Amino acid sequence: MKIAILSRNAGLYSTRRLIEAAENRGHEVRVLDALRCYMNITSLNPSIHYRGEDLTGFDAVIPRIGASVTFYGTAVLRQFEMMNVFPLNESVAISRSRDKLRSTQLLARKGIGLPVTGFANNPDDIEDLIREVGGAPLVIKLLEGTQGIGVVLAETHKAAESVIQAFMGLKANIMVQEFIKEAGGSDLRCFVIDGKIVAAMKRQGVEGEFRSNLHQGGSAKLAKLTPEERSTAIRAAKIMGLNVCGVDILRSNHGPVVMEVNSSPGLEGIEGASGKDVADLIIQCIERKVAPIATANSLPKTRTHGKG
């Protein structure tokens, strides 16, 4: 197969591992910076160009699209889809999961365990909003934040008011969520591929830090999931429509609650903690998905004759 990887940096651990895994399985790989791709959008012959070259002949595309370039990156991915190139994760699923509010509402609608979450627009509603999520301490999140950036723990009612007012004053979109104290600054990253959990790790924040993101200095170790946690992660991935994702779960007193479904999860932490070749499992997933498509396309088309 000929596989494209949409990544802005071929030297990143996750990108390097995917290249290695694909080449080890006999595939041709090309890394493309999505921001350097440009498109000819037409119903007859849609095309993608890259640094003056017409991109053709790809069987599959692996999107490693950063949150800051979601809009343009998913547009490029949609163009590949128009050209009948198999996407590891579809553009609509990536957009769905990147929208924190939309994804939370979709998960809630399907009965997935979540922290109590509030959303408001007017500063006059702040008092009621805080009460709705159970009062302080509570967590305030920028909808556009990633890797723990833009997430604030307000430990008192007054602090919560001040932070929410500040964000609203900047016209920033935020969510307000209950603080799951019993999680103790840790969470579970469940790595889902094609409807199955292939690895899981427990991430622990540094002392005094409630965020467990590895980008914030957290550590990771192998985790053993309960049946309920496994079921929650698999269902969350299915609801988002993602073939490959990282589902982040907190262990609360009322069961597992989903914090986020990440459509472009990093491989370094999960491979290091689990000892599994997750990159190879991702390439195997693509092989399973693309083979039936290739077989169907190679079959001779049957002609139907009308009666006359």
C-alpha atoms as a PDB file:
ATOM      1  CA  MET A   1       0.000   0.000   0.000  1.00  0.00           C
ATOM      2  CA  LYS A   2       0.921   3.608  -0.403  1.00  0.00           C
ATOM      3  CA  ILE A   3       0.189   5.479   2.839  1.00  0.00           C
ATOM      4  CA  ALA A   4       0.186   9.224   3.513  1.00  0.00           C
ATOM      5  CA  ILE A   5       0.754  10.539   7.026  1.00  0.00           C
ATOM      6  CA  LEU A   6      -0.527  14.060   7.637  1.00  0.00           C
ATOM      7  CA  SER A   7       2.001  15.402  10.126  1.00  0.00           C
ATOM      8  CA  ARG A   8       3.782  18.717  10.459  1.00  0.00           C
ATOM      9  CA  ASN A   9       6.963  17.087  11.737  1.00  0.00           C
ATOM     10  CA  ALA A  10       8.359  13.765  10.501  1.00  0.00           C
ATOM     11  CA  GLY A  11      10.714  13.710  13.490  1.00  0.00           C
ATOM     12  CA  LEU A  12       7.981  13.437  16.124  1.00  0.00           C
ATOM     13  CA  TYR A  13       7.979  10.122  18.005  1.00  0.00           C
ATOM     14  CA  SER A  14       4.478   9.103  16.895  1.00  0.00           C
ATOM     15  CA  THR A  15       5.143   9.941  13.243  1.00  0.00           C
ATOM     16  CA  ARG A  16       8.502   8.151  13.254  1.00  0.00           C
ATOM     17  CA  ARG A  17       6.983   5.026  14.784  1.00  0.00           C
ATOM     18  CA  LEU A  18       4.178   4.935  12.221  1.00  0.00           C
ATOM     19  CA  ILE A  19       6.707   5.276   9.392  1.00  0.00           C
ATOM     20  CA  GLU A  20       8.802   2.426  10.842  1.00  0.00           C
ATOM     21  CA  ALA A  21       5.789   0.164  11.387  1.00  0.00           C
ATOM     22  CA  ALA A  22       4.405   0.754   7.877  1.00  0.00           C
ATOM     23  CA  GLU A  23       7.772   0.230   6.165  1.00  0.00           C
ATOM     24  CA  ASN A  24       8.447  -2.905   8.231  1.00  0.00           C
ATOM     25  CA  ARG A  25       5.198  -4.316   6.851  1.00  0.00           C
ATOM     26  CA  GLY A  26       6.244  -3.546   3.281  1.00  0.00           C
ATOM     27  CA  HIS A  27       4.301  -0.345   2.649  1.00  0.00           C
ATOM     28  CA  GLU A  28       5.393   2.890   0.990  1.00  0.00           C
ATOM     29  CA  VAL A  29       5.025   5.923   3.280  1.00  0.00           C
ATOM     30  CA  ARG A  30       4.973   9.652   2.598  1.00  0.00           C
ATOM     31  CA  VAL A  31       4.804  12.330   5.318  1.00  0.00           C
ATOM     32  CA  LEU A  32       2.871  15.447   4.269  1.00  0.00           C
ATOM     33  CA  ASP A  33       2.509  18.744   6.085  1.00  0.00           C
ATOM     34  CA  ALA A  34      -1.241  19.397   5.854  1.00  0.00           C
ATOM     35  CA  LEU A  35      -0.669  23.156   5.801  1.00  0.00           C
ATOM     36  CA  ARG A  36       1.417  22.824   2.616  1.00  0.00           C
ATOM     37  CA  CYS A  37      -1.287  20.839   0.829  1.00  0.00           C
ATOM     38  CA  TYR A  38      -3.609  22.777  -1.460  1.00  0.00           C
ATOM     39  CA  MET A  39      -6.683  21.530  -3.222  1.00  0.00           C
ATOM     40  CA  ASN A  40      -8.619  21.659  -6.441  1.00  0.00           C
ATOM     41  CA  ILE A  41     -12.217  21.081  -5.374  1.00  0.00           C
ATOM     42  CA  THR A  42     -14.335  19.755  -8.208  1.00  0.00           C
ATOM     43  CA  SER A  43     -16.910  17.016  -8.505  1.00  0.00           C
ATOM     44  CA  LEU A  44     -15.288  15.485 -11.592  1.00  0.00           C
ATOM     45  CA  ASN A  45     -11.628  15.235 -10.637  1.00  0.00           C
ATOM     46  CA  PRO A  46     -10.793  16.406  -7.095  1.00  0.00           C
ATOM     47  CA  SER A  47      -7.061  16.691  -6.491  1.00  0.00           C
ATOM     48  CA  ILE A  48      -4.475  17.579  -3.848  1.00  0.00           C
ATOM     49  CA  HIS A  49      -1.198  19.304  -4.599  1.00  0.00           C
ATOM     50  CA  TYR A  50       1.931  19.482  -2.439  1.00  0.00           C
ATOM     51  CA  ARG A  51       4.837  21.824  -3.136  1.00  0.00           C
ATOM     52  CA  GLY A  52       3.884  21.839  -6.827  1.00  0.00           C
ATOM     53  CA  GLU A  53       3.314  18.083  -7.060  1.00  0.00           C
ATOM     54  CA  ASP A  54      -0.011  16.384  -7.828  1.00  0.00           C
ATOM     55  CA  LEU A  55      -0.598  13.784  -5.083  1.00  0.00           C
ATOM     56  CA  THR A  56      -2.007  10.548  -6.507  1.00  0.00           C
ATOM     57  CA  GLY A  57      -2.016   6.813  -5.922  1.00  0.00           C
ATOM     58  CA  PHE A  58      -2.501   6.750  -2.155  1.00  0.00           C
ATOM     59  CA  ASP A  59      -4.468   3.879  -0.617  1.00  0.00           C
ATOM     60  CA  ALA A  60      -4.747   5.245   2.934  1.00  0.00           C
ATOM     61  CA  VAL A  61      -4.099   8.382   4.944  1.00  0.00           C
ATOM     62  CA  ILE A  62      -3.212   8.626   8.636  1.00  0.00           C
ATOM     63  CA  PRO A  63      -4.209  12.026  10.048  1.00  0.00           C
ATOM     64  CA  ARG A  64      -1.898  13.341  12.785  1.00  0.00           C
ATOM     65  CA  ILE A  65      -3.552  16.743  12.820  1.00  0.00           C
ATOM     66  CA  GLY A  66      -2.722  19.097  15.688  1.00  0.00           C
ATOM     67  CA  ALA A  67      -5.593  20.855  17.446  1.00  0.00           C
ATOM     68  CA  SER A  68      -4.397  24.273  16.281  1.00  0.00           C
ATOM     69  CA  VAL A  69      -4.755  23.285  12.607  1.00  0.00           C
ATOM     70  CA  THR A  70      -7.969  21.249  12.888  1.00  0.00           C
ATOM     71  CA  PHE A  71      -9.934  23.407  10.437  1.00  0.00           C
ATOM     72  CA  TYR A  72      -7.437  23.248   7.576  1.00  0.00           C
ATOM     73  CA  GLY A  73      -6.214  19.755   8.405  1.00  0.00           C
ATOM     74  CA  THR A  74      -9.692  18.235   8.255  1.00  0.00           C
ATOM     75  CA  ALA A  75     -10.330  20.090   4.975  1.00  0.00           C
ATOM     76  CA  VAL A  76      -7.275  18.351   3.484  1.00  0.00           C
ATOM     77  CA  LEU A  77      -8.437  15.035   4.910  1.00  0.00           C
ATOM     78  CA  ARG A  78     -11.899  15.531   3.362  1.00  0.00           C
ATOM     79  CA  GLN A  79     -10.220  16.051   0.013  1.00  0.00           C
ATOM     80  CA  PHE A  80      -8.412  12.709   0.361  1.00  0.00           C
ATOM     81  CA  GLU A  81     -11.789  11.166   1.193  1.00  0.00           C
ATOM     82  CA  MET A  82     -13.272  12.704  -1.980  1.00  0.00           C
ATOM     83  CA  MET A  83     -10.448  10.978  -3.871  1.00  0.00           C
ATOM     84  CA  ASN A  84     -11.485   7.617  -2.320  1.00  0.00           C
ATOM     85  CA  VAL A  85      -8.388   7.351  -0.119  1.00  0.00           C
ATOM     86  CA  PHE A  86      -9.158   5.437   3.094  1.00  0.00           C
ATOM     87  CA  PRO A  87      -8.839   7.654   6.200  1.00  0.00           C
ATOM     88  CA  LEU A  88      -7.712   5.979   9.424  1.00  0.00           C
ATOM     89  CA  ASN A  89     -10.047   8.437  11.174  1.00  0.00           C
ATOM     90  CA  GLU A  90     -12.686  10.250   9.147  1.00  0.00           C
ATOM     91  CA  SER A  91     -12.653  14.047   9.009  1.00  0.00           C
ATOM     92  CA  VAL A  92     -16.157  14.339  10.479  1.00  0.00           C
ATOM     93  CA  ALA A  93     -15.181  12.138  13.449  1.00  0.00           C
ATOM     94  CA  ILE A  94     -12.070  14.221  14.136  1.00  0.00           C
ATOM     95  CA  SER A  95     -14.068  17.462  14.024  1.00  0.00           C
ATOM     96  CA  ARG A  96     -16.694  15.930  16.307  1.00  0.00           C
ATOM     97  CA  SER A  97     -14.160  14.824  18.925  1.00  0.00           C
ATOM     98  CA  ARG A  98     -12.183  18.091  18.812  1.00  0.00           C
ATOM     99  CA  ASP A  99     -15.279  20.086  19.787  1.00  0.00           C
ATOM    100  CA  LYS A 100     -15.279  19.562  23.567  1.00  0.00           C
ATOM    101  CA  LEU A 101     -18.835  20.771  24.038  1.00  0.00           C
ATOM    102  CA  ARG A 102     -20.285  18.824  21.113  1.00  0.00           C
ATOM    103  CA  SER A 103     -18.501  15.602  22.081  1.00  0.00           C
ATOM    104  CA  THR A 104     -19.622  15.942  25.716  1.00  0.00           C
ATOM    105  CA  GLN A 105     -23.232  16.386  24.608  1.00  0.00           C
ATOM    106  CA  LEU A 106     -23.031  13.364  22.267  1.00  0.00           C
ATOM    107  CA  LEU A 107     -21.532  11.156  24.983  1.00  0.00           C
ATOM    108  CA  ALA A 108     -24.137  12.331  27.509  1.00  0.00           C
ATOM    109  CA  ARG A 109     -26.932  11.598  25.055  1.00  0.00           C
ATOM    110  CA  LYS A 110     -25.720   7.987  24.789  1.00  0.00           C
ATOM    111  CA  GLY A 111     -25.489   7.532  28.564  1.00  0.00           C
ATOM    112  CA  ILE A 112     -21.692   7.615  28.946  1.00  0.00           C
ATOM    113  CA  GLY A 113     -20.485   8.544  32.453  1.00  0.00           C
ATOM    114  CA  LEU A 114     -19.284  12.160  32.554  1.00  0.00           C
ATOM    115  CA  PRO A 115     -18.420  14.802  35.137  1.00  0.00           C
ATOM    116  CA  VAL A 116     -21.340  17.169  35.756  1.00  0.00           C
ATOM    117  CA  THR A 117     -20.732  19.839  33.118  1.00  0.00           C
ATOM    118  CA  GLY A 118     -22.071  23.358  32.698  1.00  0.00           C
ATOM    119  CA  PHE A 119     -21.948  25.837  29.839  1.00  0.00           C
ATOM    120  CA  ALA A 120     -23.134  29.441  29.750  1.00  0.00           C
ATOM    121  CA  ASN A 121     -22.660  32.636  27.785  1.00  0.00           C
ATOM    122  CA  ASN A 122     -23.794  35.491  30.034  1.00  0.00           C
ATOM    123  CA  PRO A 123     -21.871  36.703  33.127  1.00  0.00           C
ATOM    124  CA  ASP A 124     -25.246  37.170  34.879  1.00  0.00           C
ATOM    125  CA  ASP A 125     -25.616  33.368  34.920  1.00  0.00           C
ATOM    126  CA  ILE A 126     -22.282  32.584  36.635  1.00  0.00           C
ATOM    127  CA  GLU A 127     -23.724  32.111  40.140  1.00  0.00           C
ATOM    128  CA  ASP A 128     -26.357  29.671  38.924  1.00  0.00           C
ATOM    129  CA  LEU A 129     -23.834  27.885  36.689  1.00  0.00           C
ATOM    130  CA  ILE A 130     -21.530  27.210  39.640  1.00  0.00           C
ATOM    131  CA  ARG A 131     -24.433  25.853  41.687  1.00  0.00           C
ATOM    132  CA  GLU A 132     -25.545  23.616  38.800  1.00  0.00           C
ATOM    133  CA  VAL A 133     -22.213  21.741  38.744  1.00  0.00           C
ATOM    134  CA  GLY A 134     -22.152  21.323  42.529  1.00  0.00           C
ATOM    135  CA  GLY A 135     -20.111  24.324  43.624  1.00  0.00           C
ATOM    136  CA  ALA A 136     -16.393  24.736  44.244  1.00  0.00           C
ATOM    137  CA  PRO A 137     -13.919  23.233  43.851  1.00  0.00           C
ATOM    138  CA  LEU A 138     -14.564  22.971  40.143  1.00  0.00           C
ATOM    139  CA  VAL A 139     -12.633  22.776  36.889  1.00  0.00           C
ATOM    140  CA  ILE A 140     -12.850  25.455  34.198  1.00  0.00           C
ATOM    141  CA  LYS A 141     -11.767  24.463  30.675  1.00  0.00           C
ATOM    142  CA  LEU A 142     -11.150  26.428  27.527  1.00  0.00           C
ATOM    143  CA  LEU A 143     -12.973  24.623  24.725  1.00  0.00           C
ATOM    144  CA  GLU A 144      -9.965  25.170  22.462  1.00  0.00           C
ATOM    145  CA  GLY A 145      -7.363  24.001  25.010  1.00  0.00           C
ATOM    146  CA  THR A 146      -5.162  20.910  24.541  1.00  0.00           C
ATOM    147  CA  GLN A 147      -2.604  18.901  26.542  1.00  0.00           C
ATOM    148  CA  GLY A 148      -3.871  20.378  29.811  1.00  0.00           C
ATOM    149  CA  ILE A 149      -3.344  23.975  28.674  1.00  0.00           C
ATOM    150  CA  GLY A 150      -6.317  26.211  29.433  1.00  0.00           C
ATOM    151  CA  VAL A 151      -7.563  24.028  32.303  1.00  0.00           C
ATOM    152  CA  VAL A 152      -7.931  25.743  35.683  1.00  0.00           C
ATOM    153  CA  LEU A 153      -8.894  24.360  39.080  1.00  0.00           C
ATOM    154  CA  ALA A 154     -10.910  26.900  41.076  1.00  0.00           C
ATOM    155  CA  GLU A 155     -10.791  25.801  44.713  1.00  0.00           C
ATOM    156  CA  THR A 156     -13.228  28.363  46.111  1.00  0.00           C
ATOM    157  CA  HIS A 157     -16.506  29.889  44.987  1.00  0.00           C
ATOM    158  CA  LYS A 158     -14.896  33.326  44.722  1.00  0.00           C
ATOM    159  CA  ALA A 159     -12.002  31.990  42.664  1.00  0.00           C
ATOM    160  CA  ALA A 160     -14.454  30.238  40.328  1.00  0.00           C
ATOM    161  CA  GLU A 161     -16.404  33.468  39.834  1.00  0.00           C
ATOM    162  CA  SER A 162     -13.232  35.427  39.083  1.00  0.00           C
ATOM    163  CA  VAL A 163     -11.825  32.921  36.586  1.00  0.00           C
ATOM    164  CA  ILE A 164     -15.136  32.503  34.734  1.00  0.00           C
ATOM    165  CA  GLN A 165     -15.612  36.280  34.572  1.00  0.00           C
ATOM    166  CA  ALA A 166     -12.079  36.699  33.228  1.00  0.00           C
ATOM    167  CA  PHE A 167     -12.577  34.094  30.486  1.00  0.00           C
ATOM    168  CA  MET A 168     -15.970  35.523  29.539  1.00  0.00           C
ATOM    169  CA  GLY A 169     -14.443  39.012  29.432  1.00  0.00           C
ATOM    170  CA  LEU A 170     -11.969  37.714  26.862  1.00  0.00           C
ATOM    171  CA  LYS A 171     -14.848  36.197  24.843  1.00  0.00           C
ATOM    172  CA  ALA A 172     -13.366  32.746  25.385  1.00  0.00           C
ATOM    173  CA  ASN A 173     -15.638  29.705  25.256  1.00  0.00           C
ATOM    174  CA  ILE A 174     -15.395  27.635  28.424  1.00  0.00           C
ATOM    175  CA  MET A 175     -16.941  24.618  30.119  1.00  0.00           C
ATOM    176  CA  VAL A 176     -17.318  24.278  33.869  1.00  0.00           C
ATOM    177  CA  GLN A 177     -17.068  20.775  35.358  1.00  0.00           C
ATOM    178  CA  GLU A 178     -17.252  19.142  38.746  1.00  0.00           C
ATOM    179  CA  PHE A 179     -13.846  18.350  40.256  1.00  0.00           C
ATOM    180  CA  ILE A 180     -13.325  14.594  40.721  1.00  0.00           C
ATOM    181  CA  LYS A 181     -11.211  14.829  43.868  1.00  0.00           C
ATOM    182  CA  GLU A 182     -11.090  11.072  44.437  1.00  0.00           C
ATOM    183  CA  ALA A 183      -9.141  10.620  41.176  1.00  0.00           C
ATOM    184  CA  GLY A 184      -6.132  12.031  43.037  1.00  0.00           C
ATOM    185  CA  GLY A 185      -4.613  13.789  40.049  1.00  0.00           C
ATOM    186  CA  SER A 186      -4.555  10.633  37.928  1.00  0.00           C
ATOM    187  CA  ASP A 187      -6.477   9.367  34.921  1.00  0.00           C
ATOM    188  CA  LEU A 188      -6.574   6.385  32.579  1.00  0.00           C
ATOM    189  CA  ARG A 189      -5.618   6.610  28.917  1.00  0.00           C
ATOM    190  CA  CYS A 190      -7.324   3.745  27.073  1.00  0.00           C
ATOM    191  CA  PHE A 191      -5.951   3.217  23.576  1.00  0.00           C
ATOM    192  CA  VAL A 192      -8.685   1.944  21.270  1.00  0.00           C
ATOM    193  CA  ILE A 193      -8.043   0.477  17.812  1.00  0.00           C
ATOM    194  CA  ASP A 194     -10.903  -0.826  15.674  1.00  0.00           C
ATOM    195  CA  GLY A 195     -13.280  -1.248  18.614  1.00  0.00           C
ATOM    196  CA  LYS A 196     -10.801  -2.977  20.932  1.00  0.00           C
ATOM    197  CA  ILE A 197      -8.608  -1.696  23.757  1.00  0.00           C
ATOM    198  CA  VAL A 198      -5.048  -2.646  22.846  1.00  0.00           C
ATOM    199  CA  ALA A 199      -3.297  -0.921  25.763  1.00  0.00           C
ATOM    200  CA  ALA A 200      -4.047   1.215  28.811  1.00  0.00           C
ATOM    201  CA  MET A 201      -1.943   3.350  31.106  1.00  0.00           C
ATOM    202  CA  LYS A 202      -2.488   5.249  34.319  1.00  0.00           C
ATOM    203  CA  ARG A 203      -1.163   8.801  34.151  1.00  0.00           C
ATOM    204  CA  GLN A 204      -0.302  10.527  37.404  1.00  0.00           C
ATOM    205  CA  GLY A 205       0.217  14.254  37.761  1.00  0.00           C
ATOM    206  CA  VAL A 206       3.211  15.630  39.639  1.00  0.00           C
ATOM    207  CA  GLU A 207       2.670  16.389  43.324  1.00  0.00           C
ATOM    208  CA  GLY A 208       0.313  19.323  43.782  1.00  0.00           C
ATOM    209  CA  GLU A 209      -0.891  19.144  40.153  1.00  0.00           C
ATOM    210  CA  PHE A 210      -4.439  18.002  39.367  1.00  0.00           C
ATOM    211  CA  ARG A 211      -3.720  17.608  35.633  1.00  0.00           C
ATOM    212  CA  SER A 212      -2.248  14.246  34.691  1.00  0.00           C
ATOM    213  CA  ASN A 213      -1.130  15.105  31.134  1.00  0.00           C
ATOM    214  CA  LEU A 214       2.357  13.860  30.309  1.00  0.00           C
ATOM    215  CA  HIS A 215       2.999  17.258  28.670  1.00  0.00           C
ATOM    216  CA  GLN A 216       2.502  18.788  32.133  1.00  0.00           C
ATOM    217  CA  GLY A 217       5.178  16.579  33.712  1.00  0.00           C
ATOM    218  CA  GLY A 218       2.974  13.606  34.624  1.00  0.00           C
ATOM    219  CA  SER A 219       4.203  10.006  34.682  1.00  0.00           C
ATOM    220  CA  ALA A 220       2.680   6.865  33.194  1.00  0.00           C
ATOM    221  CA  LYS A 221       2.512   3.195  34.066  1.00  0.00           C
ATOM    222  CA  LEU A 222       0.636   0.133  32.852  1.00  0.00           C
ATOM    223  CA  ALA A 223      -2.990   0.032  34.022  1.00  0.00           C
ATOM    224  CA  LYS A 224      -5.446  -2.812  34.513  1.00  0.00           C
ATOM    225  CA  LEU A 225      -8.958  -1.796  33.562  1.00  0.00           C
ATOM    226  CA  THR A 226     -12.220  -2.948  35.078  1.00  0.00           C
ATOM    227  CA  PRO A 227     -14.885  -4.382  32.733  1.00  0.00           C
ATOM    228  CA  GLU A 228     -16.920  -1.176  33.182  1.00  0.00           C
ATOM    229  CA  GLU A 229     -13.920   0.992  32.252  1.00  0.00           C
ATOM    230  CA  ARG A 230     -13.249  -1.127  29.163  1.00  0.00           C
ATOM    231  CA  SER A 231     -16.883  -0.940  28.088  1.00  0.00           C
ATOM    232  CA  THR A 232     -17.005   2.831  28.642  1.00  0.00           C
ATOM    233  CA  ALA A 233     -13.877   3.460  26.538  1.00  0.00           C
ATOM    234  CA  ILE A 234     -15.026   1.238  23.663  1.00  0.00           C
ATOM    235  CA  ARG A 235     -18.500   2.801  23.601  1.00  0.00           C
ATOM    236  CA  ALA A 236     -17.042   6.335  23.697  1.00  0.00           C
ATOM    237  CA  ALA A 237     -14.799   5.570  20.700  1.00  0.00           C
ATOM    238  CA  LYS A 238     -17.755   4.138  18.789  1.00  0.00           C
ATOM    239  CA  ILE A 239     -19.974   7.142  19.561  1.00  0.00           C
ATOM    240  CA  MET A 240     -17.261   9.471  18.228  1.00  0.00           C
ATOM    241  CA  GLY A 241     -16.877   7.269  15.137  1.00  0.00           C
ATOM    242  CA  LEU A 242     -13.103   6.887  15.548  1.00  0.00           C
ATOM    243  CA  ASN A 243     -11.136   3.804  14.431  1.00  0.00           C
ATOM    244  CA  VAL A 244      -8.142   4.874  16.526  1.00  0.00           C
ATOM    245  CA  CYS A 245      -8.303   7.088  19.608  1.00  0.00           C
ATOM    246  CA  GLY A 246      -7.248   7.608  23.189  1.00  0.00           C
ATOM    247  CA  VAL A 247     -10.128   7.704  25.675  1.00  0.00           C
ATOM    248  CA  ASP A 248      -9.270   9.513  28.911  1.00  0.00           C
ATOM    249  CA  ILE A 249     -11.183   8.289  31.954  1.00  0.00           C
ATOM    250  CA  LEU A 250     -11.271   9.317  35.608  1.00  0.00           C
ATOM    251  CA  ARG A 251     -12.096   6.865  38.387  1.00  0.00           C
ATOM    252  CA  SER A 252     -14.870   8.556  40.345  1.00  0.00           C
ATOM    253  CA  ASN A 253     -17.035   7.451  43.264  1.00  0.00           C
ATOM    254  CA  HIS A 254     -19.892   6.962  40.816  1.00  0.00           C
ATOM    255  CA  GLY A 255     -17.938   4.915  38.269  1.00  0.00           C
ATOM    256  CA  PRO A 256     -15.732   5.763  35.283  1.00  0.00           C
ATOM    257  CA  VAL A 257     -16.247   9.209  33.761  1.00  0.00           C
ATOM    258  CA  VAL A 258     -14.907  10.213  30.354  1.00  0.00           C
ATOM    259  CA  MET A 259     -12.889  13.422  30.196  1.00  0.00           C
ATOM    260  CA  GLU A 260     -11.900  13.390  26.536  1.00  0.00           C
ATOM    261  CA  VAL A 261     -11.751  11.265  23.392  1.00  0.00           C
ATOM    262  CA  ASN A 262      -8.491  12.113  21.614  1.00  0.00           C
ATOM    263  CA  SER A 263      -8.498  11.499  17.847  1.00  0.00           C
ATOM    264  CA  SER A 264      -4.719  11.863  17.513  1.00  0.00           C
ATOM    265  CA  PRO A 265      -3.269  10.199  20.629  1.00  0.00           C
ATOM    266  CA  GLY A 266       0.484  10.162  21.123  1.00  0.00           C
ATOM    267  CA  LEU A 267       2.284   6.812  20.958  1.00  0.00           C
ATOM    268  CA  GLU A 268       5.343   7.448  23.126  1.00  0.00           C
ATOM    269  CA  GLY A 269       3.641   7.264  26.522  1.00  0.00           C
ATOM    270  CA  ILE A 270       1.413   4.283  25.746  1.00  0.00           C
ATOM    271  CA  GLU A 271       4.169   2.250  24.065  1.00  0.00           C
ATOM    272  CA  GLY A 272       6.564   2.990  26.903  1.00  0.00           C
ATOM    273  CA  ALA A 273       4.066   2.069  29.625  1.00  0.00           C
ATOM    274  CA  SER A 274       2.598  -1.022  27.942  1.00  0.00           C
ATOM    275  CA  GLY A 275       5.602  -2.355  26.043  1.00  0.00           C
ATOM    276  CA  LYS A 276       3.323  -2.948  23.055  1.00  0.00           C
ATOM    277  CA  ASP A 277       4.029  -2.057  19.441  1.00  0.00           C
ATOM    278  CA  VAL A 278       0.936   0.123  19.085  1.00  0.00           C
ATOM    279  CA  ALA A 279       2.167   1.635  15.808  1.00  0.00           C
ATOM    280  CA  ASP A 280       2.230  -1.840  14.236  1.00  0.00           C
ATOM    281  CA  LEU A 281      -1.325  -2.506  15.465  1.00  0.00           C
ATOM    282  CA  ILE A 282      -2.465   0.731  13.787  1.00  0.00           C
ATOM    283  CA  ILE A 283      -0.949  -0.337  10.451  1.00  0.00           C
ATOM    284  CA  GLN A 284      -2.587  -3.761  10.804  1.00  0.00           C
ATOM    285  CA  CYS A 285      -5.913  -1.985  11.316  1.00  0.00           C
ATOM    286  CA  ILE A 286      -5.422  -0.077   8.047  1.00  0.00           C
ATOM    287  CA  GLU A 287      -4.578  -3.329   6.232  1.00  0.00           C
ATOM    288  CA  ARG A 288      -7.795  -4.939   7.474  1.00  0.00           C
ATOM    289  CA  LYS A 289      -9.880  -1.940   6.419  1.00  0.00           C
ATOM    290  CA  VAL A 290      -8.294  -1.312   3.021  1.00  0.00           C
ATOM    291  CA  ALA A 291      -8.064  -4.911   1.773  1.00  0.00           C
ATOM    292  CA  PRO A 292     -11.848  -5.391   1.316  1.00  0.00           C
ATOM    293  CA  ILE A 293     -12.078  -2.027  -0.477  1.00  0.00           C
ATOM    294  CA  ALA A 294      -9.211  -2.920  -2.826  1.00  0.00           C
ATOM    295  CA  THR A 295     -10.769  -6.325  -3.539  1.00  0.00           C
ATOM    296  CA  ALA A 296     -14.149  -4.781  -4.316  1.00  0.00           C
ATOM    297  CA  ASN A 297     -12.560  -2.203  -6.637  1.00  0.00           C
ATOM    298  CA  SER A 298     -10.660  -4.899  -8.528  1.00  0.00           C
ATOM    299  CA  LEU A 299     -13.749  -6.972  -9.293  1.00  0.00           C
ATOM    300  CA  PRO A 300     -15.145  -6.612 -12.819  1.00  0.00           C
ATOM    301  CA  LYS A 301     -18.222  -4.452 -13.006  1.00  0.00           C
ATOM    302  CA  THR A 302     -21.337  -6.358 -14.054  1.00  0.00           C
ATOM    303  CA  ARG A 303     -23.411  -4.774 -16.766  1.00  0.00           C
ATOM    304  CA  THR A 304     -27.165  -4.707 -16.496  1.00  0.00           C
ATOM    305  CA  HIS A 305     -29.218  -4.878 -19.664  1.00  0.00           C
ATOM    306  CA  GLY A 306     -32.584  -3.224 -19.754  1.00  0.00           C
ATOM    307  CA  LYS A 307     -35.510  -4.830 -21.425  1.00  0.00           C
ATOM    308  CA  GLY A 308     -36.430  -3.362 -24.710  1.00  0.00           C
END
